């Protein structure tokens, strides 16, 4: 039997099931059935049966040996290629470069210690993608040492790409704590992790005006912020070849001593005044409420800051927040002090020293000692608010002052404010480095150079992540909020606050596509799986790979990476 197709002009062909037979020496055919009503795929199956093909159920045609999450690895790999990162790290391919690229990708898709990273190489397609399936933790340490030796060259390439002459450079310092006590860099200092009493390391991050990382420097854990600034100025001028630029740093980084050093080198800067300096301007009537215009901005001058511009900003929403917070702390302090007062009056707490210790615990908890007058004896406790001090502090609520050497011709007052606020991009970088995204902490290495290599590796990973966030801006609600904070004018903060809340509340695009965080989008991409299959149950049968089909969101994410301008 066989399938016979009879063409018909202008209509569907007639499909017949026919049989061949002999009459004497002649071969004849007869029609058994008309199959024209069947769909073509069924016709083709019948044709295969008549040709003797061995047909089996779909699940028995091949064996799936393993399935590996692939999409998130592919997205990171595409971004690295888009950035030209392999060429930035080393001009020629080598094993060390492959391992470094794999470690960078691993910190984005699944950050773990080096030993755990190598043991999970095969959990995704990462090891196959970067060609490091045989690498172990010792190979990773060798690659880290190789990377550290190339750090200056790599950072110089990034600086050439991202920093512009006479442009802005953002710089800030942070710290991360150690697991262990033997690293020479580990020192006790001011902990930005809130881990008091722990050993830590400091590291300064330099970015362009958008917050894109350019360079990182590691310091001992007890180094003060301003002392790290001068070497960065020298690096910018001597190593990166940028003679003129504007350094942007917070009030702790660019202090009076640092400003003098910047002046001597002819470098402009943008920073802010500390609270004590602002209070002095309010007390001598240089800064008065009626100076602010409808934009809540005003420029002032003062003989203590010759040749400088002071741009005063007032944020009514921030003023309300601080007023409420202060009142809550004052009320909580009074309530706790009344409890102690009751114990003293009842005779359950006696002695000036013991009463003082109890009061000290309360004062240290709420940090409100400056707003209370306390009177202690062996048998009594009296307290009262310092109303004058509270009123004086309230006058500063919502006010901050930008201090800069940049002339008005180069930057107007609102631009100075925006550029200072762009330091929030460096703060976001520190958050990503420290928390769930990249996990620079806790640091397990004990050798100084390994710590430096580890932090540099994390910076390179954040560089890739930063560009991925830029490419996926339309898909990420978190990045919209961060961008709004970084570029927000000091105008109409109440209206902008409402708009920001509306953006946060909106979790879907108009077409119904959900807006993701960076991590949830990576998790979604990880559902693109690469399956390794073989054609039969025999172990020596040839294998092939099948990758699951991507969703519209996943295809859009990949397309945005491919289209990013770098």
Protein backbone atom coordinates (compact mmCIF):
# COMPACT_ATOMS: atom_id res chain seq x y z
CA UNK A 1 0.00 0.00 0.00
CA UNK A 2 1.08 3.56 -0.58
CA UNK A 3 -0.14 7.15 -0.54
CA UNK A 4 -1.05 8.63 -3.90
CA UNK A 5 -1.62 12.35 -4.31
CA UNK A 6 -3.72 13.45 -7.30
CA UNK A 7 -3.29 17.18 -8.10
CA UNK A 8 -6.44 19.22 -8.77
CA UNK A 9 -6.39 22.58 -10.45
CA UNK A 10 -7.64 25.35 -8.19
CA UNK A 11 -8.47 23.07 -5.27
CA UNK A 12 -6.87 20.85 -2.69
CA UNK A 13 -5.30 17.69 -4.14
CA UNK A 14 -7.03 14.35 -3.68
CA UNK A 15 -5.14 12.01 -1.38
CA UNK A 16 -5.76 8.32 -1.88
CA UNK A 17 -4.68 5.19 -0.09
CA UNK A 18 -3.93 2.74 -2.87
CA UNK A 19 -2.76 -0.84 -3.21
CA UNK A 20 -0.68 -2.46 -5.95
CA UNK A 21 -1.45 -6.02 -7.15
CA UNK A 22 -0.68 -8.33 -10.09
CA UNK A 23 -2.91 -9.86 -12.69
CA UNK A 24 -0.71 -12.20 -14.65
CA UNK A 25 2.25 -10.14 -15.83
CA UNK A 26 0.51 -6.80 -15.30
CA UNK A 27 0.79 -4.61 -12.15
CA UNK A 28 -2.45 -2.84 -11.35
CA UNK A 29 -3.63 -0.46 -8.62
CA UNK A 30 -6.82 -0.10 -6.72
CA UNK A 31 -8.07 2.55 -4.32
CA UNK A 32 -8.72 1.43 -0.77
CA UNK A 33 -9.71 4.74 0.83
CA UNK A 34 -9.94 8.48 0.19
CA UNK A 35 -7.77 10.25 2.79
CA UNK A 36 -8.32 13.82 1.57
CA UNK A 37 -10.06 14.78 4.82
CA UNK A 38 -6.97 14.02 6.97
CA UNK A 39 -4.41 16.75 7.85
CA UNK A 40 -1.06 16.55 6.09
CA UNK A 41 0.96 15.64 9.18
CA UNK A 42 -1.14 12.50 9.58
CA UNK A 43 -0.71 11.71 5.90
CA UNK A 44 3.07 11.96 6.32
CA UNK A 45 2.94 9.62 9.32
CA UNK A 46 1.02 7.02 7.27
CA UNK A 47 3.52 7.39 4.45
CA UNK A 48 6.36 6.71 6.96
CA UNK A 49 4.58 3.58 8.25
CA UNK A 50 4.16 2.20 4.71
CA UNK A 51 7.86 2.87 4.08
CA UNK A 52 8.83 0.74 7.10
CA UNK A 53 10.03 3.54 9.39
CA UNK A 54 10.21 2.54 13.08
CA UNK A 55 7.93 5.10 14.78
CA UNK A 56 7.97 5.53 18.59
CA UNK A 57 6.22 7.82 21.10
CA UNK A 58 7.95 11.19 21.35
CA UNK A 59 9.34 10.58 24.84
CA UNK A 60 11.09 7.36 23.73
CA UNK A 61 12.92 8.90 20.77
CA UNK A 62 15.75 10.36 22.87
CA UNK A 63 16.99 10.58 26.45
CA UNK A 64 17.57 13.88 28.31
CA UNK A 65 20.84 13.42 30.17
CA UNK A 66 20.84 16.74 32.06
CA UNK A 67 19.27 20.20 32.10
CA UNK A 68 21.28 23.32 32.99
CA UNK A 69 19.98 26.89 33.55
CA UNK A 70 21.41 28.91 30.69
CA UNK A 71 19.60 32.18 29.95
CA UNK A 72 21.10 34.30 32.75
CA UNK A 73 24.61 33.09 31.87
CA UNK A 74 24.00 33.91 28.22
CA UNK A 75 22.81 37.42 29.13
CA UNK A 76 25.95 38.13 31.18
CA UNK A 77 28.19 36.63 28.48
CA UNK A 78 26.54 38.78 25.80
CA UNK A 79 27.06 41.91 27.85
CA UNK A 80 30.73 41.08 28.40
CA UNK A 81 31.19 40.63 24.66
CA UNK A 82 29.25 43.83 24.00
CA UNK A 83 31.56 45.75 26.35
CA UNK A 84 34.67 44.16 24.88
CA UNK A 85 35.60 43.06 28.40
CA UNK A 86 37.80 40.12 27.29
CA UNK A 87 39.97 42.52 25.28
CA UNK A 88 40.11 45.02 28.14
CA UNK A 89 41.37 42.35 30.54
CA UNK A 90 43.92 40.86 28.11
CA UNK A 91 44.55 41.35 24.41
CA UNK A 92 45.07 37.64 23.72
CA UNK A 93 43.03 34.65 24.95
CA UNK A 94 44.57 32.63 27.75
CA UNK A 95 43.43 30.28 30.51
CA UNK A 96 43.76 32.96 33.21
CA UNK A 97 41.54 35.34 31.24
CA UNK A 98 38.89 32.64 30.78
CA UNK A 99 38.85 31.91 34.51
CA UNK A 100 38.67 35.61 35.41
CA UNK A 101 35.72 36.12 33.05
CA UNK A 102 34.01 33.08 34.55
CA UNK A 103 34.57 34.42 38.09
CA UNK A 104 33.12 37.80 37.08
CA UNK A 105 30.05 36.11 35.60
CA UNK A 106 29.70 33.87 38.66
CA UNK A 107 29.57 36.89 40.98
CA UNK A 108 26.60 38.20 39.01
CA UNK A 109 24.58 35.01 38.55
CA UNK A 110 25.46 33.20 41.80
CA UNK A 111 28.01 34.91 44.11
CA UNK A 112 29.80 32.45 46.40
CA UNK A 113 33.28 31.92 47.88
CA UNK A 114 35.83 30.66 45.34
CA UNK A 115 35.75 27.04 46.52
CA UNK A 116 31.95 26.92 46.39
CA UNK A 117 32.02 28.65 43.01
CA UNK A 118 34.22 26.01 41.40
CA UNK A 119 32.15 23.21 42.92
CA UNK A 120 29.05 24.70 41.31
CA UNK A 121 30.63 25.31 37.87
CA UNK A 122 28.44 22.66 36.28
CA UNK A 123 25.19 23.70 37.99
CA UNK A 124 24.64 26.09 35.06
CA UNK A 125 26.16 26.43 31.60
CA UNK A 126 28.70 28.94 32.96
CA UNK A 127 31.68 26.57 32.90
CA UNK A 128 30.95 25.42 29.34
CA UNK A 129 30.30 28.97 28.13
CA UNK A 130 33.66 30.24 29.39
CA UNK A 131 35.62 27.02 28.88
CA UNK A 132 36.59 26.44 32.52
CA UNK A 133 35.05 23.06 33.25
CA UNK A 134 38.31 21.68 34.65
CA UNK A 135 39.28 24.71 36.78
CA UNK A 136 39.45 24.31 40.56
CA UNK A 137 39.89 26.82 43.41
CA UNK A 138 43.71 26.82 43.07
CA UNK A 139 43.34 27.81 39.41
CA UNK A 140 41.06 30.63 40.55
CA UNK A 141 43.68 31.94 42.99
CA UNK A 142 46.33 31.88 40.26
CA UNK A 143 43.97 33.77 37.94
CA UNK A 144 43.23 36.35 40.67
CA UNK A 145 46.95 36.99 41.15
CA UNK A 146 47.30 37.37 37.37
CA UNK A 147 44.37 39.81 37.33
CA UNK A 148 45.78 41.96 40.13
CA UNK A 149 49.03 42.40 38.20
CA UNK A 150 46.98 43.83 35.31
CA UNK A 151 44.72 46.07 37.42
CA UNK A 152 46.42 49.38 36.56
CA UNK A 153 46.29 48.69 32.82
CA UNK A 154 42.65 47.62 32.98
CA UNK A 155 41.59 50.66 34.99
CA UNK A 156 43.47 52.96 32.62
CA UNK A 157 41.47 51.50 29.71
CA UNK A 158 38.21 52.09 31.60
CA UNK A 159 39.26 55.65 32.40
CA UNK A 160 40.04 56.33 28.75
CA UNK A 161 36.60 55.07 27.81
CA UNK A 162 34.50 56.73 30.53
CA UNK A 163 36.25 59.81 31.92
CA UNK A 164 36.34 63.07 29.97
CA UNK A 165 38.67 66.03 30.26
CA UNK A 166 37.09 68.76 32.40
CA UNK A 167 34.30 66.32 33.30
CA UNK A 168 33.02 65.08 36.65
CA UNK A 169 34.63 62.34 38.71
CA UNK A 170 32.72 60.82 41.65
CA UNK A 171 34.62 59.28 44.56
CA UNK A 172 33.62 57.75 47.88
CA UNK A 173 34.94 55.31 50.47
CA UNK A 174 33.29 52.31 52.06
CA UNK A 175 34.28 49.32 54.18
CA UNK A 176 33.58 45.60 54.50
CA UNK A 177 34.22 43.28 57.42
CA UNK A 178 36.46 40.21 57.56
CA UNK A 179 35.98 36.59 58.53
CA UNK A 180 39.32 35.98 60.23
CA UNK A 181 42.07 37.94 61.94
CA UNK A 182 45.30 37.35 60.00
CA UNK A 183 45.04 39.68 56.99
CA UNK A 184 47.50 42.62 57.24
CA UNK A 185 44.82 44.97 55.82
CA UNK A 186 42.34 44.09 58.54
CA UNK A 187 41.93 46.92 61.04
CA UNK A 188 39.27 48.23 63.38
CA UNK A 189 37.80 51.47 62.15
CA UNK A 190 34.55 53.26 61.41
CA UNK A 191 32.27 50.46 60.15
CA UNK A 192 29.86 51.37 57.39
CA UNK A 193 28.39 47.87 57.72
CA UNK A 194 27.21 48.48 61.27
CA UNK A 195 29.58 45.75 62.50
CA UNK A 196 31.18 47.50 65.45
CA UNK A 197 34.34 45.97 66.84
CA UNK A 198 35.02 43.80 63.78
CA UNK A 199 38.12 43.90 61.61
CA UNK A 200 37.50 45.51 58.24
CA UNK A 201 39.05 46.79 55.04
CA UNK A 202 38.33 50.13 53.35
CA UNK A 203 38.06 50.61 49.61
CA UNK A 204 37.54 53.73 47.54
CA UNK A 205 35.45 53.60 44.36
CA UNK A 206 35.88 56.07 41.51
CA UNK A 207 33.13 56.44 38.91
CA UNK A 208 32.16 58.75 36.08
CA UNK A 209 29.28 61.20 36.43
CA UNK A 210 26.75 58.43 35.71
CA UNK A 211 28.04 56.14 38.43
CA UNK A 212 29.79 53.72 36.04
CA UNK A 213 32.83 52.26 37.90
CA UNK A 214 36.28 53.19 36.66
CA UNK A 215 38.72 52.24 39.43
CA UNK A 216 38.87 50.83 42.94
CA UNK A 217 41.61 51.12 45.58
CA UNK A 218 41.88 49.02 48.74
CA UNK A 219 43.12 50.51 52.03
CA UNK A 220 43.64 49.36 55.59
CA UNK A 221 40.48 49.34 57.68
CA UNK A 222 41.42 52.30 59.88
CA UNK A 223 42.29 54.77 57.09
CA UNK A 224 40.32 58.04 57.24
CA UNK A 225 38.31 59.19 54.23
CA UNK A 226 40.24 62.40 53.35
CA UNK A 227 43.66 60.70 53.34
CA UNK A 228 42.57 58.45 50.45
CA UNK A 229 41.63 61.37 48.19
CA UNK A 230 45.08 62.73 47.35
CA UNK A 231 46.34 59.46 45.80
CA UNK A 232 43.22 59.35 43.62
CA UNK A 233 43.91 62.89 42.37
CA UNK A 234 47.45 61.83 41.50
CA UNK A 235 46.16 58.72 39.73
CA UNK A 236 43.74 60.77 37.63
CA UNK A 237 46.43 63.23 36.55
CA UNK A 238 49.48 61.00 36.18
CA UNK A 239 48.13 57.54 35.29
CA UNK A 240 44.88 58.39 33.51
CA UNK A 241 46.24 61.55 31.88
CA UNK A 242 43.31 63.81 32.84
CA UNK A 243 44.73 67.21 33.77
CA UNK A 244 41.46 69.03 34.49
CA UNK A 245 38.33 67.57 36.08
CA UNK A 246 35.77 68.28 38.78
CA UNK A 247 36.01 66.03 41.84
CA UNK A 248 32.70 65.31 43.58
CA UNK A 249 32.80 63.93 47.12
CA UNK A 250 30.74 64.03 50.28
CA UNK A 251 31.38 66.34 53.22
CA UNK A 252 33.48 63.74 55.01
CA UNK A 253 35.67 63.08 51.97
CA UNK A 254 36.35 66.61 50.72
CA UNK A 255 37.02 68.40 54.00
CA UNK A 256 38.96 71.64 54.54
CA UNK A 257 42.37 69.98 54.35
CA UNK A 258 41.46 68.17 51.14
CA UNK A 259 40.11 71.39 49.64
CA UNK A 260 43.46 73.12 50.20
CA UNK A 261 45.22 70.25 48.42
CA UNK A 262 42.77 70.50 45.51
CA UNK A 263 43.33 74.24 45.25
CA UNK A 264 47.09 73.76 45.11
CA UNK A 265 46.69 71.36 42.19
CA UNK A 266 44.17 73.55 40.38
CA UNK A 267 41.36 70.99 40.65
CA UNK A 268 37.72 72.09 40.97
CA UNK A 269 35.41 70.29 43.38
CA UNK A 270 31.84 69.94 44.61
CA UNK A 271 31.03 68.94 48.17
CA UNK A 272 28.71 70.00 51.02
CA UNK A 273 29.02 71.79 54.33
CA UNK A 274 28.82 69.91 57.61
CA UNK A 275 25.98 70.64 60.05
CA UNK A 276 28.16 72.75 62.36
CA UNK A 277 29.15 75.01 59.46
CA UNK A 278 25.53 75.37 58.36
CA UNK A 279 24.53 76.27 61.92
CA UNK A 280 27.18 79.00 61.99
CA UNK A 281 25.76 80.54 58.79
CA UNK A 282 22.25 80.51 60.28
CA UNK A 283 23.41 82.04 63.57
CA UNK A 284 25.23 84.96 61.92
CA UNK A 285 22.15 85.62 59.71
CA UNK A 286 23.98 84.85 56.45
CA UNK A 287 21.41 82.16 55.71
CA UNK A 288 17.80 83.22 56.35
CA UNK A 289 14.52 81.55 55.37
CA UNK A 290 13.39 84.45 53.18
CA UNK A 291 16.43 83.99 50.92
CA UNK A 292 14.93 80.86 49.39
CA UNK A 293 12.93 81.43 46.21
CA UNK A 294 10.15 79.28 44.78
CA UNK A 295 12.70 76.63 43.77
CA UNK A 296 13.96 76.30 47.37
CA UNK A 297 17.44 77.35 46.22
CA UNK A 298 19.62 80.34 46.94
CA UNK A 299 23.25 81.27 46.40
CA UNK A 300 25.14 83.01 49.19
CA UNK A 301 28.67 84.17 49.86
CA UNK A 302 30.62 84.33 53.10
CA UNK A 303 34.08 85.65 54.00
CA UNK A 304 34.98 82.29 55.54
CA UNK A 305 34.69 80.74 52.04
CA UNK A 306 36.54 83.14 49.72
CA UNK A 307 36.31 82.43 46.02
CA UNK A 308 33.70 79.72 46.59
CA UNK A 309 30.01 79.35 45.83
CA UNK A 310 27.56 78.22 48.49
CA UNK A 311 24.28 76.89 47.14
CA UNK A 312 21.71 76.49 49.91
CA UNK A 313 18.87 74.02 49.34
CA UNK A 314 15.69 73.48 51.31
CA UNK A 315 13.61 70.33 51.04
CA UNK A 316 10.25 70.75 52.84
CA UNK A 317 9.51 67.02 52.74
CA UNK A 318 12.84 66.21 54.36
CA UNK A 319 12.18 68.91 56.96
CA UNK A 320 8.87 67.26 57.89
CA UNK A 321 10.53 63.86 58.14
CA UNK A 322 13.27 65.12 60.44
CA UNK A 323 10.81 67.05 62.59
CA UNK A 324 8.67 63.96 63.12
CA UNK A 325 11.71 61.77 63.79
CA UNK A 326 13.11 64.21 66.35
CA UNK A 327 9.77 64.48 68.15
CA UNK A 328 9.48 60.69 68.28
CA UNK A 329 12.98 60.38 69.75
CA UNK A 330 12.30 63.13 72.29
CA UNK A 331 9.06 61.47 73.37
CA UNK A 332 10.69 58.06 73.64
CA UNK A 333 13.53 59.54 75.71
CA UNK A 334 11.08 61.28 78.06
CA UNK A 335 9.05 58.11 78.51
CA UNK A 336 12.16 56.10 79.40
CA UNK A 337 13.38 58.81 81.78
CA UNK A 338 9.96 58.91 83.50
CA UNK A 339 10.25 55.19 84.12
CA UNK A 340 13.61 55.73 85.81
CA UNK A 341 12.20 58.70 87.70
CA UNK A 342 9.37 56.52 89.05
CA UNK A 343 11.87 53.92 90.26
CA UNK A 344 13.90 56.65 91.99
CA UNK A 345 10.84 58.16 93.68
CA UNK A 346 9.73 54.72 94.86
CA UNK A 347 13.15 54.08 96.36
CA UNK A 348 13.92 51.12 94.08
CA UNK A 349 16.88 52.95 92.50
CA UNK A 350 19.24 54.88 94.77
CA UNK A 351 22.63 56.52 94.45
CA UNK A 352 23.74 59.13 91.97
CA UNK A 353 26.10 56.73 90.20
CA UNK A 354 23.46 54.03 89.70
CA UNK A 355 20.87 56.56 88.57
CA UNK A 356 23.44 58.04 86.17
CA UNK A 357 24.17 54.64 84.64
CA UNK A 358 20.46 54.01 84.02
CA UNK A 359 20.03 57.49 82.52
CA UNK A 360 23.14 56.99 80.39
CA UNK A 361 21.67 53.89 78.79
CA UNK A 362 18.59 55.85 77.73
CA UNK A 363 20.56 58.83 76.46
CA UNK A 364 22.94 56.63 74.46
CA UNK A 365 20.06 54.69 72.95
CA UNK A 366 18.17 57.70 71.57
CA UNK A 367 21.10 60.15 71.15
CA UNK A 368 19.09 63.04 72.63
CA UNK A 369 21.44 64.24 75.40
CA UNK A 370 21.95 67.59 73.67
CA UNK A 371 18.22 68.37 73.98
CA UNK A 372 17.77 67.66 77.72
CA UNK A 373 18.85 69.21 80.99
CA UNK A 374 19.42 66.48 83.59
CA UNK A 375 19.68 66.95 87.36
CA UNK A 376 20.78 63.96 89.48
CA UNK A 377 21.15 63.41 93.20
CA UNK A 378 21.32 60.27 95.29
CA UNK A 379 17.55 60.28 95.72
CA UNK A 380 16.11 62.28 92.82
CA UNK A 381 16.07 62.70 89.06
CA UNK A 382 14.78 65.76 87.20
CA UNK A 383 14.87 66.48 83.48
CA UNK A 384 13.55 69.06 81.04
CA UNK A 385 13.78 69.77 77.35
CA UNK A 386 16.17 72.43 76.08
CA UNK A 387 13.61 74.25 74.00
CA UNK A 388 16.11 76.78 72.63
CA UNK A 389 18.41 74.00 71.38
CA UNK A 390 15.47 72.15 69.82
CA UNK A 391 14.26 75.30 68.03
CA UNK A 392 17.79 76.02 66.80
CA UNK A 393 18.13 72.52 65.36
CA UNK A 394 14.66 72.69 63.80
CA UNK A 395 15.75 75.80 61.90
CA UNK A 396 18.19 73.58 59.98
CA UNK A 397 15.67 70.88 59.10
CA UNK A 398 15.64 70.13 55.38
CA UNK A 399 18.53 72.53 54.67
CA UNK A 400 21.83 71.49 53.16
CA UNK A 401 24.48 73.62 51.46
CA UNK A 402 26.54 72.66 48.44
CA UNK A 403 30.08 74.06 48.47
CA UNK A 404 31.94 74.32 45.18
CA UNK A 405 34.76 76.08 43.36
CA UNK A 406 33.12 75.66 39.94
CA UNK A 407 32.21 79.00 38.35
CA UNK A 408 28.60 79.89 37.45
CA UNK A 409 29.56 79.98 33.78
CA UNK A 410 30.37 76.28 33.89
CA UNK A 411 27.60 75.09 36.22
CA UNK A 412 24.52 76.92 37.44
CA UNK A 413 23.17 76.38 40.96
CA UNK A 414 20.66 73.58 40.13
CA UNK A 415 23.37 71.72 38.18
CA UNK A 416 25.71 71.87 41.17
CA UNK A 417 23.00 70.34 43.33
CA UNK A 418 22.27 67.60 40.81
CA UNK A 419 25.93 66.70 40.44
CA UNK A 420 26.38 66.44 44.21
CA UNK A 421 23.30 64.24 44.42
CA UNK A 422 24.82 62.01 41.74
CA UNK A 423 26.96 60.59 44.57
CA UNK A 424 23.92 58.42 45.22
CA UNK A 425 25.08 56.40 42.20
CA UNK A 426 28.29 55.53 44.05
CA UNK A 427 26.21 54.60 47.09
CA UNK A 428 24.15 52.29 44.89
CA UNK A 429 27.37 50.69 43.67
CA UNK A 430 28.41 50.02 47.28
CA UNK A 431 24.99 48.51 48.03
CA UNK A 432 25.25 46.18 45.04
CA UNK A 433 28.82 45.23 45.92
CA UNK A 434 27.97 44.41 49.53
CA UNK A 435 24.55 42.81 49.45
CA UNK A 436 22.78 40.06 47.55
CA UNK A 437 23.90 41.15 44.09
CA UNK A 438 27.68 40.61 44.30
CA UNK A 439 28.51 39.87 47.95
CA UNK A 440 31.93 41.41 48.38
CA UNK A 441 31.41 40.69 52.08
CA UNK A 442 32.18 38.85 54.22
CA UNK A 443 35.79 38.64 53.03
CA UNK A 444 37.36 35.22 53.61
CA UNK A 445 40.81 35.84 52.08
CA UNK A 446 43.82 36.30 54.38
CA UNK A 447 46.46 37.61 51.94
CA UNK A 448 46.45 41.33 51.19
CA UNK A 449 46.81 40.87 47.43
CA UNK A 450 44.01 38.31 47.36
CA UNK A 451 41.74 40.80 49.15
CA UNK A 452 42.67 43.46 46.59
CA UNK A 453 42.05 41.03 43.72
CA UNK A 454 38.72 39.95 45.24
CA UNK A 455 37.46 43.53 45.52
CA UNK A 456 38.72 44.39 42.01
CA UNK A 457 36.93 41.29 40.70
CA UNK A 458 33.73 42.47 42.36
CA UNK A 459 34.17 45.94 40.83
CA UNK A 460 34.48 44.42 37.34
CA UNK A 461 31.35 42.36 38.02
CA UNK A 462 29.48 45.49 39.06
CA UNK A 463 30.68 47.22 35.87
CA UNK A 464 28.99 44.48 33.83
CA UNK A 465 25.90 44.62 36.04
CA UNK A 466 25.77 48.44 35.74
CA UNK A 467 25.64 48.23 31.94
CA UNK A 468 23.04 45.46 32.12
CA UNK A 469 20.89 47.71 34.29
CA UNK A 470 21.31 50.50 31.76
CA UNK A 471 20.27 48.18 28.93
CA UNK A 472 17.27 46.88 30.90
CA UNK A 473 16.15 50.27 32.23
CA UNK A 474 12.69 49.94 30.65
CA UNK A 475 12.23 46.55 32.35
CA UNK A 476 13.47 47.44 35.85
CA UNK A 477 11.36 49.50 38.24
CA UNK A 478 14.25 49.78 40.74
CA UNK A 479 16.51 51.52 38.25
CA UNK A 480 13.82 54.06 37.39
CA UNK A 481 13.58 55.01 41.06
CA UNK A 482 17.36 55.21 41.47
CA UNK A 483 17.72 57.34 38.36
CA UNK A 484 15.02 59.68 39.64
CA UNK A 485 16.83 60.10 42.95
CA UNK A 486 20.16 60.79 41.27
CA UNK A 487 18.86 63.44 38.85
CA UNK A 488 16.13 64.98 40.99
CA UNK A 489 16.01 68.78 41.01
CA UNK A 490 15.46 70.58 44.32
CA UNK A 491 12.22 71.94 42.81
CA UNK A 492 8.77 70.91 44.08
CA UNK A 493 9.93 67.87 46.10
CA UNK A 494 6.40 67.10 47.28
CA UNK A 495 5.12 66.73 43.72
CA UNK A 496 8.09 64.60 42.69
CA UNK A 497 7.67 62.44 45.77
CA UNK A 498 4.10 61.66 44.74
CA UNK A 499 5.28 60.85 41.22
CA UNK A 500 7.98 58.55 42.54
CA UNK A 501 5.41 56.69 44.66
CA UNK A 502 3.21 56.27 41.60
CA UNK A 503 6.14 54.75 39.70
CA UNK A 504 6.88 52.35 42.51
CA UNK A 505 3.23 51.33 42.68
CA UNK A 506 3.16 50.64 38.93
CA UNK A 507 4.50 47.13 38.52
CA UNK A 508 3.42 46.40 34.93
CA UNK A 509 3.84 48.00 31.55
CA UNK A 510 0.79 49.02 29.58
CA UNK A 511 0.98 45.76 27.60
CA UNK A 512 0.83 43.77 30.84
CA UNK A 513 4.54 42.88 30.92
CA UNK A 514 5.73 42.86 34.56
CA UNK A 515 8.43 45.27 35.68
CA UNK A 516 11.22 43.38 37.42
CA UNK A 517 14.06 43.95 39.80
CA UNK A 518 17.48 43.06 38.42
CA UNK A 519 17.59 39.80 40.37
CA UNK A 520 14.09 38.63 39.44
CA UNK A 521 14.82 39.31 35.76
CA UNK A 522 17.98 37.20 36.01
CA UNK A 523 15.94 34.48 37.70
CA UNK A 524 13.41 34.61 34.89
CA UNK A 525 16.18 34.33 32.30
CA UNK A 526 17.56 31.29 34.14
CA UNK A 527 14.41 29.39 33.10
CA UNK A 528 15.92 29.25 29.61
CA UNK A 529 17.47 25.79 29.98
CA UNK A 530 19.98 23.93 27.84
CA UNK A 531 19.16 20.21 27.68
CA UNK A 532 21.84 17.64 26.80
CA UNK A 533 20.16 14.72 25.01
CA UNK A 534 21.14 11.47 23.29
CA UNK A 535 19.31 9.54 20.64
CA UNK A 536 18.78 6.32 22.58
CA UNK A 537 19.11 4.74 26.00
CA UNK A 538 22.58 3.42 25.10
CA UNK A 539 25.30 5.31 26.98
CA UNK A 540 27.61 5.57 23.95
CA UNK A 541 24.91 7.10 21.74
CA UNK A 542 25.76 10.52 20.26
CA UNK A 543 24.54 13.56 22.18
CA UNK A 544 23.08 16.88 21.11
CA UNK A 545 21.74 19.97 22.89
CA UNK A 546 18.30 21.53 22.82
CA UNK A 547 17.65 24.95 24.38
CA UNK A 548 14.17 25.84 25.58
CA UNK A 549 12.35 28.51 23.63
CA UNK A 550 12.53 31.99 25.18
CA UNK A 551 9.49 34.07 26.16
CA UNK A 552 8.77 37.53 24.68
CA UNK A 553 10.19 39.15 27.85
CA UNK A 554 13.35 37.07 27.65
CA UNK A 555 13.83 37.86 23.97
CA UNK A 556 13.34 41.55 24.72
CA UNK A 557 15.98 41.42 27.46
CA UNK A 558 18.51 39.84 25.10
CA UNK A 559 17.69 42.31 22.31
CA UNK A 560 18.22 45.26 24.67
CA UNK A 561 21.70 43.99 25.52
CA UNK A 562 22.57 43.61 21.85
CA UNK A 563 21.31 47.14 21.12
CA UNK A 564 23.08 48.91 24.01
CA UNK A 565 25.43 51.68 22.93
CA UNK A 566 28.74 51.33 24.81
